[in-house]
Amino acid sequence: MVLYSVPMIAIVDYGAGNLRSVAKAIERLGYPARVTEQPEDIVAADAVILPGVGAAGDAMAGLRRLGLVGPLRQIIAGGKPFLGVCLGLQVLLTGSEEGGWQDCLNVIPGVVRRLPPGLKVPHMGWNQVQQRLAHPIFAGIPDKANFYFVHSYAVHPERDAVIAGETEYGVRFCSAIARDNLVATQFHPEKSGDLGLKMFDNFCRWAGVKRIE
């Protein structure tokens, strides 16, 4: 078991991109972070961020290869603060229709489906997030603030109660979820300027992680 001298945020490395951008954003805010693929690091950390870009099938293959599926389910069920970003949101659901059908982590019951025909995909650029839940992740962030998106698939949770934010792009889709110790966003806070940094700061504060002195 890895022991940290200060509260530590584990950023899960399962072969997807954009990890360093997330790590740099957290470190810029002054919080201790470690990019890791080791299950023991993730279990020992005080909070976990699962970022990612790419395809659900590749992501799940990477998580299985590294033995991370069980530990991720374990820490979420155990109440550890957890943030999923983009693909890190999608793999939380039961499964994804991307590439046929991909079994995912099944932490949040629901399905990931391609954005409807007729829409330009990927949905790329700035778009508003309408807040549906009052949650610490949104502290100090105006309702309908703009965040940066890059995705072709959207999540469809079975229970509306977990939908924390919604966005319009030809259709209305879930762009953030929150349940107990878990939050996740379809958009990229690390690409969303000052408000994205504010969201990461909110998560770290909510998780009880202190800035490095």
N, C-alpha and C. Protein backbone atom coordinates (compact mmCIF):
# COMPACT_ATOMS: atom_id res chain seq x y z
N MET A 1 0.84 -1.19 0.00
CA MET A 1 0.00 0.00 0.00
C MET A 1 0.88 1.25 0.00
N VAL A 2 0.54 2.20 -0.87
CA VAL A 2 1.30 3.44 -0.93
C VAL A 2 0.74 4.39 0.12
N LEU A 3 1.61 5.01 0.90
CA LEU A 3 1.18 5.97 1.91
C LEU A 3 1.67 7.35 1.53
N TYR A 4 0.76 8.33 1.55
CA TYR A 4 1.12 9.70 1.20
C TYR A 4 1.21 10.53 2.47
N SER A 5 2.16 11.45 2.51
CA SER A 5 2.32 12.30 3.68
C SER A 5 1.31 13.44 3.70
N VAL A 6 0.74 13.75 2.53
CA VAL A 6 -0.30 14.78 2.44
C VAL A 6 -1.45 14.19 1.63
N PRO A 7 -2.67 14.74 1.79
CA PRO A 7 -3.77 14.27 0.96
C PRO A 7 -3.40 14.37 -0.52
N MET A 8 -3.67 13.34 -1.26
CA MET A 8 -3.21 13.23 -2.64
C MET A 8 -4.38 12.93 -3.57
N ILE A 9 -4.35 13.56 -4.76
CA ILE A 9 -5.33 13.27 -5.81
C ILE A 9 -4.67 12.35 -6.82
N ALA A 10 -5.28 11.21 -7.08
CA ALA A 10 -4.79 10.29 -8.10
C ALA A 10 -5.51 10.58 -9.41
N ILE A 11 -4.74 10.81 -10.47
CA ILE A 11 -5.28 10.99 -11.81
C ILE A 11 -5.00 9.70 -12.57
N VAL A 12 -6.07 9.01 -12.96
CA VAL A 12 -5.94 7.65 -13.46
C VAL A 12 -5.41 7.64 -14.90
N ASP A 13 -4.31 6.92 -15.09
CA ASP A 13 -3.69 6.77 -16.41
C ASP A 13 -4.01 5.38 -16.94
N TYR A 14 -4.92 5.30 -17.90
CA TYR A 14 -5.27 4.01 -18.48
C TYR A 14 -5.03 4.00 -19.99
N GLY A 15 -4.14 4.90 -20.45
CA GLY A 15 -3.77 4.93 -21.85
C GLY A 15 -4.53 5.93 -22.68
N ALA A 16 -5.44 6.69 -22.07
CA ALA A 16 -6.18 7.72 -22.80
C ALA A 16 -5.39 9.03 -22.79
N GLY A 17 -5.78 9.95 -23.63
CA GLY A 17 -5.09 11.23 -23.71
C GLY A 17 -5.58 12.23 -22.69
N ASN A 18 -4.97 13.39 -22.69
CA ASN A 18 -5.39 14.56 -21.92
C ASN A 18 -5.07 14.47 -20.44
N LEU A 19 -4.34 13.44 -20.03
CA LEU A 19 -4.02 13.30 -18.61
C LEU A 19 -3.16 14.45 -18.11
N ARG A 20 -2.16 14.82 -18.89
CA ARG A 20 -1.22 15.84 -18.44
C ARG A 20 -1.90 17.19 -18.31
N SER A 21 -2.87 17.47 -19.19
CA SER A 21 -3.58 18.74 -19.09
C SER A 21 -4.36 18.83 -17.78
N VAL A 22 -4.96 17.71 -17.39
CA VAL A 22 -5.69 17.69 -16.12
C VAL A 22 -4.71 17.84 -14.97
N ALA A 23 -3.60 17.12 -15.02
CA ALA A 23 -2.60 17.20 -13.95
C ALA A 23 -2.06 18.61 -13.81
N LYS A 24 -1.78 19.26 -14.93
CA LYS A 24 -1.24 20.62 -14.89
C LYS A 24 -2.25 21.59 -14.29
N ALA A 25 -3.53 21.39 -14.61
CA ALA A 25 -4.57 22.26 -14.05
C ALA A 25 -4.64 22.11 -12.53
N ILE A 26 -4.60 20.87 -12.04
CA ILE A 26 -4.65 20.64 -10.60
C ILE A 26 -3.41 21.21 -9.92
N GLU A 27 -2.26 20.98 -10.52
CA GLU A 27 -1.01 21.48 -9.93
C GLU A 27 -0.96 23.01 -9.97
N ARG A 28 -1.50 23.60 -11.02
CA ARG A 28 -1.55 25.07 -11.10
C ARG A 28 -2.34 25.66 -9.94
N LEU A 29 -3.36 24.93 -9.51
CA LEU A 29 -4.16 25.37 -8.37
C LEU A 29 -3.46 25.14 -7.04
N GLY A 30 -2.36 24.38 -7.06
CA GLY A 30 -1.58 24.17 -5.85
C GLY A 30 -1.91 22.91 -5.09
N TYR A 31 -2.64 21.98 -5.71
CA TYR A 31 -2.99 20.75 -5.03
C TYR A 31 -2.04 19.62 -5.44
N PRO A 32 -1.76 18.69 -4.54
CA PRO A 32 -0.88 17.58 -4.87
C PRO A 32 -1.60 16.55 -5.74
N ALA A 33 -0.99 16.18 -6.85
CA ALA A 33 -1.61 15.24 -7.77
C ALA A 33 -0.56 14.27 -8.28
N ARG A 34 -1.00 13.06 -8.59
CA ARG A 34 -0.12 12.03 -9.12
C ARG A 34 -0.84 11.31 -10.26
N VAL A 35 -0.24 11.33 -11.45
CA VAL A 35 -0.74 10.54 -12.57
C VAL A 35 -0.25 9.12 -12.38
N THR A 36 -1.17 8.16 -12.34
CA THR A 36 -0.79 6.80 -11.99
C THR A 36 -1.68 5.78 -12.67
N GLU A 37 -1.10 4.62 -12.94
CA GLU A 37 -1.86 3.47 -13.43
C GLU A 37 -1.90 2.36 -12.40
N GLN A 38 -1.35 2.62 -11.22
CA GLN A 38 -1.23 1.58 -10.20
C GLN A 38 -2.48 1.51 -9.33
N PRO A 39 -3.12 0.34 -9.24
CA PRO A 39 -4.31 0.22 -8.39
C PRO A 39 -4.07 0.64 -6.95
N GLU A 40 -2.88 0.32 -6.40
CA GLU A 40 -2.62 0.65 -5.00
C GLU A 40 -2.55 2.16 -4.78
N ASP A 41 -2.03 2.91 -5.78
CA ASP A 41 -2.01 4.36 -5.68
C ASP A 41 -3.43 4.92 -5.64
N ILE A 42 -4.27 4.37 -6.49
CA ILE A 42 -5.64 4.88 -6.61
C ILE A 42 -6.44 4.58 -5.35
N VAL A 43 -6.26 3.39 -4.82
CA VAL A 43 -6.97 3.02 -3.60
C VAL A 43 -6.49 3.85 -2.41
N ALA A 44 -5.20 4.20 -2.39
CA ALA A 44 -4.63 4.94 -1.26
C ALA A 44 -4.90 6.44 -1.34
N ALA A 45 -5.21 6.95 -2.52
CA ALA A 45 -5.40 8.40 -2.69
C ALA A 45 -6.63 8.89 -1.94
N ASP A 46 -6.65 10.20 -1.71
CA ASP A 46 -7.77 10.81 -0.99
C ASP A 46 -8.90 11.22 -1.92
N ALA A 47 -8.60 11.37 -3.20
CA ALA A 47 -9.60 11.69 -4.22
C ALA A 47 -9.06 11.17 -5.55
N VAL A 48 -9.97 10.92 -6.47
CA VAL A 48 -9.59 10.32 -7.75
C VAL A 48 -10.24 11.09 -8.89
N ILE A 49 -9.46 11.33 -9.94
CA ILE A 49 -9.97 11.93 -11.17
C ILE A 49 -9.75 10.93 -12.31
N LEU A 50 -10.81 10.64 -13.05
CA LEU A 50 -10.73 9.76 -14.22
C LEU A 50 -10.99 10.60 -15.46
N PRO A 51 -9.93 11.06 -16.13
CA PRO A 51 -10.11 11.85 -17.35
C PRO A 51 -10.15 10.96 -18.57
N GLY A 52 -10.10 11.57 -19.75
CA GLY A 52 -9.98 10.74 -20.94
C GLY A 52 -10.62 11.32 -22.18
N VAL A 53 -10.04 10.98 -23.30
CA VAL A 53 -10.61 11.24 -24.62
C VAL A 53 -10.48 9.95 -25.43
N GLY A 54 -11.32 9.79 -26.45
CA GLY A 54 -11.23 8.60 -27.28
C GLY A 54 -12.48 7.75 -27.21
N ALA A 55 -12.30 6.45 -27.41
CA ALA A 55 -13.43 5.52 -27.53
C ALA A 55 -13.63 4.72 -26.26
N ALA A 56 -14.89 4.42 -25.97
CA ALA A 56 -15.23 3.69 -24.75
C ALA A 56 -14.60 2.30 -24.73
N GLY A 57 -14.60 1.61 -25.88
CA GLY A 57 -14.04 0.27 -25.93
C GLY A 57 -12.57 0.25 -25.59
N ASP A 58 -11.82 1.21 -26.14
CA ASP A 58 -10.39 1.30 -25.84
C ASP A 58 -10.17 1.63 -24.36
N ALA A 59 -11.00 2.53 -23.83
CA ALA A 59 -10.86 2.91 -22.43
C ALA A 59 -11.09 1.72 -21.52
N MET A 60 -12.16 0.97 -21.77
CA MET A 60 -12.46 -0.18 -20.92
C MET A 60 -11.39 -1.26 -21.07
N ALA A 61 -10.87 -1.44 -22.28
CA ALA A 61 -9.79 -2.41 -22.47
C ALA A 61 -8.57 -2.02 -21.65
N GLY A 62 -8.25 -0.73 -21.63
CA GLY A 62 -7.12 -0.25 -20.84
C GLY A 62 -7.35 -0.45 -19.35
N LEU A 63 -8.55 -0.15 -18.88
CA LEU A 63 -8.85 -0.33 -17.46
C LEU A 63 -8.78 -1.80 -17.06
N ARG A 64 -9.28 -2.68 -17.91
CA ARG A 64 -9.22 -4.11 -17.60
C ARG A 64 -7.78 -4.62 -17.61
N ARG A 65 -7.02 -4.19 -18.60
CA ARG A 65 -5.62 -4.65 -18.72
C ARG A 65 -4.81 -4.27 -17.49
N LEU A 66 -5.08 -3.10 -16.92
CA LEU A 66 -4.33 -2.62 -15.77
C LEU A 66 -4.93 -3.06 -14.44
N GLY A 67 -6.01 -3.82 -14.48
CA GLY A 67 -6.64 -4.28 -13.24
C GLY A 67 -7.29 -3.17 -12.45
N LEU A 68 -7.87 -2.19 -13.16
CA LEU A 68 -8.41 -1.01 -12.49
C LEU A 68 -9.93 -1.02 -12.35
N VAL A 69 -10.61 -1.94 -13.01
CA VAL A 69 -12.07 -1.94 -12.96
C VAL A 69 -12.56 -2.16 -11.54
N GLY A 70 -12.06 -3.19 -10.88
CA GLY A 70 -12.47 -3.47 -9.50
C GLY A 70 -12.12 -2.36 -8.54
N PRO A 71 -10.87 -1.85 -8.54
CA PRO A 71 -10.53 -0.74 -7.64
C PRO A 71 -11.38 0.51 -7.86
N LEU A 72 -11.69 0.85 -9.11
CA LEU A 72 -12.51 2.04 -9.34
C LEU A 72 -13.91 1.84 -8.78
N ARG A 73 -14.51 0.68 -9.01
CA ARG A 73 -15.82 0.41 -8.43
C ARG A 73 -15.75 0.43 -6.91
N GLN A 74 -14.66 -0.10 -6.37
CA GLN A 74 -14.50 -0.17 -4.91
C GLN A 74 -14.43 1.21 -4.28
N ILE A 75 -13.63 2.10 -4.86
CA ILE A 75 -13.47 3.42 -4.23
C ILE A 75 -14.73 4.26 -4.37
N ILE A 76 -15.44 4.10 -5.49
CA ILE A 76 -16.68 4.86 -5.65
C ILE A 76 -17.72 4.35 -4.65
N ALA A 77 -17.86 3.04 -4.54
CA ALA A 77 -18.82 2.47 -3.59
C ALA A 77 -18.44 2.80 -2.16
N GLY A 78 -17.13 2.97 -1.91
CA GLY A 78 -16.67 3.26 -0.56
C GLY A 78 -16.77 4.71 -0.15
N GLY A 79 -17.16 5.57 -1.07
CA GLY A 79 -17.40 6.97 -0.70
C GLY A 79 -16.25 7.92 -0.98
N LYS A 80 -15.22 7.47 -1.68
CA LYS A 80 -14.09 8.36 -1.98
C LYS A 80 -14.51 9.41 -3.02
N PRO A 81 -14.15 10.68 -2.83
CA PRO A 81 -14.49 11.71 -3.82
C PRO A 81 -13.92 11.36 -5.19
N PHE A 82 -14.77 11.44 -6.20
CA PHE A 82 -14.42 10.96 -7.54
C PHE A 82 -14.95 11.94 -8.58
N LEU A 83 -14.09 12.28 -9.54
CA LEU A 83 -14.48 13.17 -10.64
C LEU A 83 -14.15 12.50 -11.96
N GLY A 84 -15.15 12.32 -12.81
CA GLY A 84 -14.95 11.82 -14.17
C GLY A 84 -15.05 12.96 -15.16
N VAL A 85 -14.21 12.93 -16.20
CA VAL A 85 -14.18 13.98 -17.20
C VAL A 85 -14.31 13.38 -18.59
N CYS A 86 -15.31 13.81 -19.34
CA CYS A 86 -15.56 13.42 -20.73
C CYS A 86 -15.71 11.90 -20.84
N LEU A 87 -14.74 11.21 -21.41
CA LEU A 87 -14.83 9.75 -21.48
C LEU A 87 -14.87 9.14 -20.09
N GLY A 88 -14.27 9.84 -19.12
CA GLY A 88 -14.32 9.40 -17.73
C GLY A 88 -15.72 9.47 -17.14
N LEU A 89 -16.61 10.26 -17.75
CA LEU A 89 -18.04 10.21 -17.42
C LEU A 89 -18.69 9.03 -18.12
N GLN A 90 -18.44 8.89 -19.41
CA GLN A 90 -19.17 7.89 -20.19
C GLN A 90 -18.95 6.47 -19.69
N VAL A 91 -17.73 6.14 -19.30
CA VAL A 91 -17.46 4.77 -18.86
C VAL A 91 -18.07 4.46 -17.50
N LEU A 92 -18.62 5.45 -16.81
CA LEU A 92 -19.30 5.18 -15.55
C LEU A 92 -20.65 4.51 -15.75
N LEU A 93 -21.21 4.63 -16.96
CA LEU A 93 -22.54 4.09 -17.20
C LEU A 93 -22.50 2.58 -17.45
N THR A 94 -23.67 1.99 -17.61
CA THR A 94 -23.76 0.54 -17.80
C THR A 94 -23.02 0.10 -19.05
N GLY A 95 -23.23 0.83 -20.14
CA GLY A 95 -22.58 0.47 -21.38
C GLY A 95 -22.70 1.56 -22.41
N SER A 96 -21.93 1.42 -23.49
CA SER A 96 -21.89 2.40 -24.56
C SER A 96 -22.20 1.71 -25.89
N GLU A 97 -22.95 2.41 -26.75
CA GLU A 97 -23.26 1.91 -28.08
C GLU A 97 -22.15 2.21 -29.07
N GLU A 98 -21.07 2.85 -28.62
CA GLU A 98 -19.97 3.18 -29.50
C GLU A 98 -19.26 1.91 -29.97
N GLY A 99 -19.18 1.72 -31.29
CA GLY A 99 -18.52 0.53 -31.82
C GLY A 99 -19.32 -0.74 -31.62
N GLY A 100 -20.63 -0.61 -31.57
CA GLY A 100 -21.50 -1.76 -31.31
C GLY A 100 -22.04 -1.68 -29.90
N TRP A 101 -21.48 -2.47 -29.01
CA TRP A 101 -21.83 -2.39 -27.59
C TRP A 101 -20.60 -2.64 -26.74
N GLN A 102 -20.36 -1.76 -25.77
CA GLN A 102 -19.23 -1.90 -24.87
C GLN A 102 -19.75 -1.92 -23.44
N ASP A 103 -19.49 -2.99 -22.71
CA ASP A 103 -19.79 -3.00 -21.28
C ASP A 103 -18.86 -2.02 -20.58
N CYS A 104 -19.45 -1.18 -19.74
CA CYS A 104 -18.65 -0.20 -19.01
C CYS A 104 -18.68 -0.51 -17.51
N LEU A 105 -18.42 0.48 -16.66
CA LEU A 105 -18.25 0.22 -15.23
C LEU A 105 -19.57 -0.06 -14.51
N ASN A 106 -20.68 0.39 -15.08
CA ASN A 106 -22.00 0.15 -14.49
C ASN A 106 -22.13 0.73 -13.08
N VAL A 107 -21.49 1.86 -12.87
CA VAL A 107 -21.63 2.58 -11.60
C VAL A 107 -22.91 3.41 -11.61
N ILE A 108 -23.21 4.01 -12.75
CA ILE A 108 -24.44 4.76 -12.96
C ILE A 108 -25.28 4.01 -14.00
N PRO A 109 -26.44 3.46 -13.63
CA PRO A 109 -27.26 2.76 -14.62
C PRO A 109 -27.66 3.69 -15.77
N GLY A 110 -27.45 3.22 -16.99
CA GLY A 110 -27.78 4.03 -18.15
C GLY A 110 -26.93 3.65 -19.34
N VAL A 111 -27.16 4.34 -20.45
CA VAL A 111 -26.54 4.00 -21.73
C VAL A 111 -25.92 5.25 -22.35
N VAL A 112 -24.80 5.03 -23.05
CA VAL A 112 -24.15 6.09 -23.81
C VAL A 112 -24.53 5.91 -25.28
N ARG A 113 -25.13 6.95 -25.89
CA ARG A 113 -25.58 6.87 -27.28
C ARG A 113 -24.98 7.99 -28.12
N ARG A 114 -24.81 7.73 -29.39
CA ARG A 114 -24.31 8.73 -30.32
C ARG A 114 -25.29 9.89 -30.41
N LEU A 115 -24.78 11.09 -30.58
CA LEU A 115 -25.65 12.24 -30.80
C LEU A 115 -26.49 12.00 -32.05
N PRO A 116 -27.71 12.53 -32.09
CA PRO A 116 -28.65 12.17 -33.17
C PRO A 116 -28.15 12.55 -34.56
N PRO A 117 -28.61 11.82 -35.58
CA PRO A 117 -28.27 12.14 -36.96
C PRO A 117 -28.68 13.58 -37.30
N GLY A 118 -27.91 14.19 -38.18
CA GLY A 118 -28.19 15.56 -38.58
C GLY A 118 -27.38 16.59 -37.83
N LEU A 119 -26.79 16.19 -36.70
CA LEU A 119 -25.93 17.09 -35.95
C LEU A 119 -24.48 16.89 -36.37
N LYS A 120 -23.74 17.98 -36.44
CA LYS A 120 -22.33 17.87 -36.74
C LYS A 120 -21.60 17.25 -35.55
N VAL A 121 -20.87 16.17 -35.82
CA VAL A 121 -20.11 15.52 -34.76
C VAL A 121 -18.64 15.44 -35.19
N PRO A 122 -17.73 15.56 -34.24
CA PRO A 122 -18.04 15.74 -32.82
C PRO A 122 -18.61 17.12 -32.51
N HIS A 123 -19.40 17.16 -31.46
CA HIS A 123 -19.80 18.44 -30.87
C HIS A 123 -18.54 19.04 -30.26
N MET A 124 -18.04 20.10 -30.87
CA MET A 124 -16.75 20.66 -30.46
C MET A 124 -16.87 22.17 -30.28
N GLY A 125 -16.44 22.62 -29.12
CA GLY A 125 -16.42 24.06 -28.85
C GLY A 125 -17.15 24.39 -27.56
N TRP A 126 -17.41 25.68 -27.39
CA TRP A 126 -18.00 26.20 -26.16
C TRP A 126 -19.51 26.08 -26.20
N ASN A 127 -20.09 25.69 -25.07
CA ASN A 127 -21.54 25.60 -24.96
C ASN A 127 -21.94 25.76 -23.51
N GLN A 128 -23.20 26.16 -23.34
CA GLN A 128 -23.70 26.44 -21.99
C GLN A 128 -24.04 25.16 -21.23
N VAL A 129 -23.84 25.22 -19.93
CA VAL A 129 -24.26 24.15 -19.03
C VAL A 129 -25.30 24.72 -18.07
N GLN A 130 -26.54 24.24 -18.21
CA GLN A 130 -27.60 24.65 -17.29
C GLN A 130 -27.57 23.74 -16.07
N GLN A 131 -27.44 24.35 -14.91
CA GLN A 131 -27.32 23.57 -13.67
C GLN A 131 -28.69 23.09 -13.22
N ARG A 132 -28.79 21.79 -12.98
CA ARG A 132 -30.05 21.20 -12.50
C ARG A 132 -30.00 20.85 -11.03
N LEU A 133 -28.80 20.72 -10.48
CA LEU A 133 -28.65 20.42 -9.06
C LEU A 133 -27.78 21.48 -8.42
N ALA A 134 -28.10 21.85 -7.19
CA ALA A 134 -27.22 22.70 -6.40
C ALA A 134 -26.16 21.79 -5.80
N HIS A 135 -24.93 21.92 -6.28
CA HIS A 135 -23.86 21.02 -5.87
C HIS A 135 -22.59 21.82 -5.65
N PRO A 136 -21.74 21.41 -4.69
CA PRO A 136 -20.50 22.15 -4.45
C PRO A 136 -19.61 22.29 -5.68
N ILE A 137 -19.73 21.40 -6.65
CA ILE A 137 -18.90 21.50 -7.86
C ILE A 137 -19.21 22.77 -8.63
N PHE A 138 -20.42 23.31 -8.45
CA PHE A 138 -20.84 24.53 -9.15
C PHE A 138 -20.68 25.79 -8.31
N ALA A 139 -20.07 25.70 -7.15
CA ALA A 139 -19.94 26.87 -6.27
C ALA A 139 -19.21 28.01 -7.00
N GLY A 140 -19.83 29.18 -7.02
CA GLY A 140 -19.21 30.35 -7.64
C GLY A 140 -19.23 30.33 -9.15
N ILE A 141 -19.91 29.36 -9.76
CA ILE A 141 -20.00 29.26 -11.22
C ILE A 141 -21.42 29.64 -11.65
N PRO A 142 -21.57 30.66 -12.49
CA PRO A 142 -22.92 31.08 -12.89
C PRO A 142 -23.66 29.99 -13.64
N ASP A 143 -24.96 29.94 -13.45
CA ASP A 143 -25.78 29.04 -14.25
C ASP A 143 -25.66 29.44 -15.72
N LYS A 144 -25.67 28.45 -16.59
CA LYS A 144 -25.55 28.61 -18.04
C LYS A 144 -24.19 29.17 -18.45
N ALA A 145 -23.18 28.93 -17.62
CA ALA A 145 -21.82 29.29 -18.01
C ALA A 145 -21.35 28.39 -19.14
N ASN A 146 -20.40 28.89 -19.92
CA ASN A 146 -19.88 28.14 -21.06
C ASN A 146 -18.67 27.29 -20.66
N PHE A 147 -18.67 26.05 -21.14
CA PHE A 147 -17.54 25.14 -20.97
C PHE A 147 -17.22 24.51 -22.32
N TYR A 148 -16.04 23.90 -22.41
CA TYR A 148 -15.56 23.40 -23.69
C TYR A 148 -15.86 21.90 -23.85
N PHE A 149 -16.47 21.56 -24.99
CA PHE A 149 -16.89 20.19 -25.29
C PHE A 149 -16.13 19.63 -26.49
N VAL A 150 -15.85 18.34 -26.46
CA VAL A 150 -15.39 17.58 -27.63
C VAL A 150 -15.94 16.16 -27.47
N HIS A 151 -17.04 15.84 -28.15
CA HIS A 151 -17.61 14.49 -28.00
C HIS A 151 -18.61 14.22 -29.12
N SER A 152 -18.81 12.95 -29.40
CA SER A 152 -19.80 12.50 -30.37
C SER A 152 -20.91 11.67 -29.73
N TYR A 153 -20.71 11.29 -28.47
CA TYR A 153 -21.66 10.46 -27.73
C TYR A 153 -22.10 11.20 -26.47
N ALA A 154 -23.29 10.88 -26.00
CA ALA A 154 -23.82 11.52 -24.80
C ALA A 154 -24.41 10.46 -23.88
N VAL A 155 -24.42 10.75 -22.58
CA VAL A 155 -24.91 9.79 -21.60
C VAL A 155 -26.41 9.97 -21.38
N HIS A 156 -27.06 8.84 -21.12
CA HIS A 156 -28.50 8.81 -20.85
C HIS A 156 -28.72 8.00 -19.57
N PRO A 157 -28.58 8.64 -18.41
CA PRO A 157 -28.80 7.92 -17.15
C PRO A 157 -30.25 7.46 -17.02
N GLU A 158 -30.44 6.33 -16.37
CA GLU A 158 -31.79 5.83 -16.14
C GLU A 158 -32.56 6.75 -15.20
N ARG A 159 -31.86 7.35 -14.24
CA ARG A 159 -32.53 8.18 -13.23
C ARG A 159 -32.18 9.65 -13.47
N ASP A 160 -33.21 10.46 -13.68
CA ASP A 160 -33.00 11.89 -13.87
C ASP A 160 -32.38 12.55 -12.64
N ALA A 161 -32.55 11.91 -11.48
CA ALA A 161 -32.08 12.52 -10.24
C ALA A 161 -30.57 12.72 -10.20
N VAL A 162 -29.82 11.99 -11.04
CA VAL A 162 -28.36 12.14 -11.03
C VAL A 162 -27.89 13.22 -12.00
N ILE A 163 -28.79 13.77 -12.81
CA ILE A 163 -28.39 14.76 -13.81
C ILE A 163 -28.16 16.10 -13.12
N ALA A 164 -26.91 16.55 -13.11
CA ALA A 164 -26.54 17.80 -12.45
C ALA A 164 -26.49 18.98 -13.42
N GLY A 165 -26.31 18.69 -14.71
CA GLY A 165 -26.23 19.75 -15.71
C GLY A 165 -26.71 19.25 -17.06
N GLU A 166 -27.27 20.16 -17.85
CA GLU A 166 -27.74 19.82 -19.18
C GLU A 166 -27.27 20.86 -20.19
N THR A 167 -27.16 20.44 -21.44
CA THR A 167 -26.67 21.31 -22.50
C THR A 167 -27.51 21.08 -23.75
N GLU A 168 -27.74 22.16 -24.52
CA GLU A 168 -28.47 22.09 -25.78
C GLU A 168 -27.47 22.05 -26.94
N TYR A 169 -27.60 21.03 -27.78
CA TYR A 169 -26.87 20.97 -29.03
C TYR A 169 -27.73 20.21 -30.03
N GLY A 170 -28.70 20.91 -30.59
CA GLY A 170 -29.70 20.24 -31.42
C GLY A 170 -30.71 19.49 -30.60
N VAL A 171 -30.24 18.81 -29.58
CA VAL A 171 -31.08 18.15 -28.57
C VAL A 171 -30.54 18.54 -27.20
N ARG A 172 -31.33 18.27 -26.21
CA ARG A 172 -30.90 18.52 -24.83
C ARG A 172 -30.28 17.23 -24.28
N PHE A 173 -29.06 17.32 -23.77
CA PHE A 173 -28.41 16.11 -23.26
C PHE A 173 -27.78 16.39 -21.89
N CYS A 174 -27.54 15.31 -21.17
CA CYS A 174 -26.93 15.39 -19.85
C CYS A 174 -25.44 15.71 -20.01
N SER A 175 -25.00 16.81 -19.40
CA SER A 175 -23.59 17.21 -19.51
C SER A 175 -22.86 17.16 -18.18
N ALA A 176 -23.55 16.80 -17.11
CA ALA A 176 -22.90 16.60 -15.80
C ALA A 176 -23.80 15.74 -14.94
N ILE A 177 -23.18 14.87 -14.14
CA ILE A 177 -23.93 14.06 -13.20
C ILE A 177 -23.34 14.22 -11.81
N ALA A 178 -24.15 13.96 -10.82
CA ALA A 178 -23.69 14.00 -9.43
C ALA A 178 -24.52 13.01 -8.62
N ARG A 179 -23.82 12.21 -7.83
CA ARG A 179 -24.50 11.27 -6.93
C ARG A 179 -23.56 10.99 -5.77
N ASP A 180 -23.98 11.36 -4.59
CA ASP A 180 -23.18 11.10 -3.39
C ASP A 180 -21.75 11.65 -3.57
N ASN A 181 -20.75 10.78 -3.53
CA ASN A 181 -19.35 11.20 -3.62
C ASN A 181 -18.85 11.34 -5.05
N LEU A 182 -19.70 11.11 -6.03
CA LEU A 182 -19.29 11.07 -7.43
C LEU A 182 -19.85 12.25 -8.20
N VAL A 183 -18.98 12.90 -8.98
CA VAL A 183 -19.40 13.91 -9.94
C VAL A 183 -18.67 13.62 -11.25
N ALA A 184 -19.26 14.02 -12.36
CA ALA A 184 -18.61 13.81 -13.66
C ALA A 184 -19.19 14.78 -14.67
N THR A 185 -18.35 15.17 -15.63
CA THR A 185 -18.76 16.14 -16.64
C THR A 185 -18.46 15.62 -18.04
N GLN A 186 -19.34 15.94 -18.99
CA GLN A 186 -19.07 15.62 -20.39
C GLN A 186 -18.07 16.62 -20.98
N PHE A 187 -18.08 17.82 -20.49
CA PHE A 187 -17.16 18.87 -20.96
C PHE A 187 -15.80 18.74 -20.28
N HIS A 188 -14.86 19.52 -20.77
CA HIS A 188 -13.48 19.47 -20.28
C HIS A 188 -13.18 20.71 -19.42
N PRO A 189 -13.20 20.60 -18.10
CA PRO A 189 -12.81 21.75 -17.28
C PRO A 189 -11.38 22.23 -17.58
N GLU A 190 -10.47 21.28 -17.90
CA GLU A 190 -9.08 21.65 -18.14
C GLU A 190 -8.89 22.47 -19.41
N LYS A 191 -9.94 22.52 -20.26
CA LYS A 191 -9.89 23.33 -21.49
C LYS A 191 -10.85 24.52 -21.42
N SER A 192 -11.37 24.78 -20.23
CA SER A 192 -12.46 25.75 -20.08
C SER A 192 -12.06 27.01 -19.33
N GLY A 193 -10.78 27.35 -19.37
CA GLY A 193 -10.34 28.62 -18.81
C GLY A 193 -10.54 28.73 -17.32
N ASP A 194 -10.83 29.96 -16.87
CA ASP A 194 -10.91 30.24 -15.43
C ASP A 194 -12.05 29.48 -14.76
N LEU A 195 -13.19 29.33 -15.45
CA LEU A 195 -14.31 28.62 -14.83
C LEU A 195 -14.00 27.13 -14.71
N GLY A 196 -13.24 26.59 -15.65
CA GLY A 196 -12.81 25.20 -15.53
C GLY A 196 -11.89 25.00 -14.35
N LEU A 197 -10.96 25.93 -14.17
CA LEU A 197 -10.08 25.87 -12.99
C LEU A 197 -10.89 26.00 -11.71
N LYS A 198 -11.90 26.87 -11.73
CA LYS A 198 -12.76 27.03 -10.57
C LYS A 198 -13.48 25.71 -10.24
N MET A 199 -13.91 24.99 -11.27
CA MET A 199 -14.58 23.72 -11.03
C MET A 199 -13.63 22.69 -10.42
N PHE A 200 -12.39 22.62 -10.93
CA PHE A 200 -11.40 21.73 -10.32
C PHE A 200 -11.13 22.13 -8.87
N ASP A 201 -11.04 23.43 -8.61
CA ASP A 201 -10.82 23.91 -7.25
C ASP A 201 -11.98 23.51 -6.35
N ASN A 202 -13.19 23.65 -6.87
CA ASN A 202 -14.38 23.24 -6.11
C ASN A 202 -14.32 21.76 -5.75
N PHE A 203 -13.91 20.93 -6.73
CA PHE A 203 -13.82 19.50 -6.46
C PHE A 203 -12.79 19.21 -5.37
N CYS A 204 -11.62 19.82 -5.48
CA CYS A 204 -10.57 19.57 -4.49
C CYS A 204 -10.99 20.01 -3.10
N ARG A 205 -11.66 21.15 -3.01
CA ARG A 205 -12.15 21.63 -1.71
C ARG A 205 -13.21 20.68 -1.16
N TRP A 206 -14.13 20.29 -2.02
CA TRP A 206 -15.19 19.36 -1.62
C TRP A 206 -14.60 18.04 -1.15
N ALA A 207 -13.50 17.62 -1.80
CA ALA A 207 -12.84 16.36 -1.43
C ALA A 207 -12.01 16.48 -0.16
N GLY A 208 -11.81 17.71 0.32
CA GLY A 208 -11.03 17.91 1.53
C GLY A 208 -9.53 17.88 1.32
N VAL A 209 -9.09 18.04 0.07
CA VAL A 209 -7.66 18.06 -0.23
C VAL A 209 -7.14 19.48 -0.04
N LYS A 210 -6.02 19.62 0.66
CA LYS A 210 -5.45 20.92 0.96
C LYS A 210 -4.37 21.28 -0.06
N ARG A 211 -4.24 22.56 -0.31
CA ARG A 211 -3.16 23.03 -1.18
C ARG A 211 -1.81 22.77 -0.50
N ILE A 212 -0.81 22.58 -1.34
CA ILE A 212 0.55 22.40 -0.83
C ILE A 212 1.04 23.72 -0.26
N GLU A 213 1.56 23.67 0.95
CA GLU A 213 2.07 24.88 1.61
C GLU A 213 3.39 25.31 0.99
